[in-house]
Amino acid sequence: MLADVTGVMACPYCARPLVLGDGVVACDAGHRFDVAREGYVNLLGGSPQTGTADTPAMVAARGAFLAGGHFEPLAGSIAAGVARATSGIEGCILEVGAGTG
């Protein structure tokens, strides 16, 4: 999935295109962002935040819940609304800032 969207992503530091490499997303200016084991990329700069209150068990439980399809009706409604609102408009919508959090 990440490979499908890197072509429309830009580096948050220099706005150059981002390219997916071996375990990283990077721009040609040398800014690099590691791909997490779960497949996401954090494009925020600085050190990782500590004390987030999410334990590995909590993250796994949330992932299992989401994989169960409980939000599919809501996601489908949102996707249909976006499709109606953007009908006839060229381009790509990339939703960022989401995740299991």
Protein backbone atom coordinates (compact mmCIF):
# COMPACT_ATOMS: atom_id res chain seq x y z
CA MET A 1 0.00 0.00 0.00
CA LEU A 2 2.80 2.44 0.81
CA ALA A 3 4.24 1.90 -2.67
CA ASP A 4 0.91 3.05 -4.11
CA VAL A 5 1.07 6.49 -2.47
CA THR A 6 4.70 7.56 -2.30
CA GLY A 7 4.38 9.04 -5.79
CA VAL A 8 2.03 11.72 -4.43
CA MET A 9 3.92 12.40 -1.21
CA ALA A 10 6.39 15.21 -0.63
CA CYS A 11 9.14 15.60 1.94
CA PRO A 12 7.88 17.67 4.87
CA TYR A 13 11.27 19.44 5.07
CA CYS A 14 12.03 20.38 1.47
CA ALA A 15 8.89 19.47 -0.52
CA ARG A 16 10.84 17.21 -2.90
CA PRO A 17 9.17 13.96 -3.99
CA LEU A 18 9.47 10.99 -1.67
CA VAL A 19 10.52 7.59 -2.99
CA LEU A 20 10.09 4.24 -1.29
CA GLY A 21 13.37 2.39 -0.80
CA ASP A 22 14.45 -0.60 1.22
CA GLY A 23 12.74 0.07 4.54
CA VAL A 24 12.74 3.85 4.11
CA VAL A 25 10.94 6.66 2.35
CA ALA A 26 13.42 9.33 1.24
CA CYS A 27 13.86 12.42 -0.90
CA ASP A 28 16.87 13.18 -3.09
CA ALA A 29 18.04 15.81 -0.58
CA GLY A 30 18.77 13.02 1.89
CA HIS A 31 15.82 13.31 4.25
CA ARG A 32 14.90 9.76 5.27
CA PHE A 33 11.96 8.30 7.16
CA ASP A 34 11.97 4.70 8.36
CA VAL A 35 9.11 2.41 7.43
CA ALA A 36 7.81 0.87 10.64
CA ARG A 37 7.47 -2.88 10.98
CA GLU A 38 3.69 -2.36 10.72
CA GLY A 39 4.07 -0.61 7.35
CA TYR A 40 3.51 3.04 8.23
CA VAL A 41 5.88 6.00 7.97
CA ASN A 42 6.14 8.78 10.54
CA LEU A 43 6.96 12.02 8.71
CA LEU A 44 7.23 14.09 11.89
CA GLY A 45 10.67 15.34 12.74
CA GLY A 46 12.48 15.13 16.04
CA SER A 47 12.80 12.38 18.55
CA PRO A 48 9.99 9.89 19.08
CA GLN A 49 7.57 10.84 21.82
CA THR A 50 7.86 8.85 25.01
CA GLY A 51 5.15 7.93 27.47
CA THR A 52 2.37 7.43 24.92
CA ALA A 53 0.34 5.07 27.14
CA ASP A 54 0.00 2.53 24.31
CA THR A 55 1.46 -0.81 25.26
CA PRO A 56 2.25 -3.43 22.60
CA ALA A 57 -0.79 -5.38 23.81
CA MET A 58 -3.03 -2.33 23.35
CA VAL A 59 -1.75 -1.75 19.82
CA ALA A 60 -2.30 -5.42 18.95
CA ALA A 61 -5.83 -5.39 20.39
CA ARG A 62 -6.70 -2.24 18.45
CA GLY A 63 -5.31 -3.78 15.26
CA ALA A 64 -7.38 -6.92 15.81
CA PHE A 65 -10.52 -4.86 16.39
CA LEU A 66 -9.96 -2.80 13.25
CA ALA A 67 -9.23 -5.94 11.22
CA GLY A 68 -12.63 -7.26 12.31
CA GLY A 69 -14.37 -4.81 9.98
CA HIS A 70 -16.32 -3.00 12.68
CA PHE A 71 -15.74 0.39 11.04
CA GLU A 72 -16.42 -0.78 7.46
CA PRO A 73 -19.94 0.76 7.29
CA LEU A 74 -18.59 4.12 8.47
CA ALA A 75 -15.55 3.95 6.17
CA GLY A 76 -17.80 3.05 3.25
CA SER A 77 -20.10 6.00 3.94
CA ILE A 78 -17.16 8.39 4.17
CA ALA A 79 -15.65 7.04 0.94
CA ALA A 80 -18.99 7.40 -0.87
CA GLY A 81 -19.35 10.98 0.37
CA VAL A 82 -15.84 11.88 -0.76
CA ALA A 83 -16.49 10.25 -4.14
CA ARG A 84 -19.65 12.33 -4.58
CA ALA A 85 -17.97 15.54 -3.45
CA THR A 86 -15.02 15.07 -5.79
CA SER A 87 -16.84 13.68 -8.81
CA GLY A 88 -15.23 15.03 -11.97
CA ILE A 89 -12.23 16.46 -10.16
CA GLU A 90 -8.83 15.20 -11.29
CA GLY A 91 -6.23 14.30 -8.71
CA CYS A 92 -5.57 12.20 -5.70
CA ILE A 93 -6.68 12.45 -2.09
CA LEU A 94 -4.17 11.11 0.41
CA GLU A 95 -5.41 10.97 3.97
CA VAL A 96 -2.51 11.33 6.36
CA GLY A 97 -2.27 11.45 10.10
CA ALA A 98 -4.35 8.36 10.57
CA GLY A 99 -3.48 5.03 12.00
CA THR A 100 -4.67 2.78 14.72
CA GLY A 101 -4.38 5.66 17.21
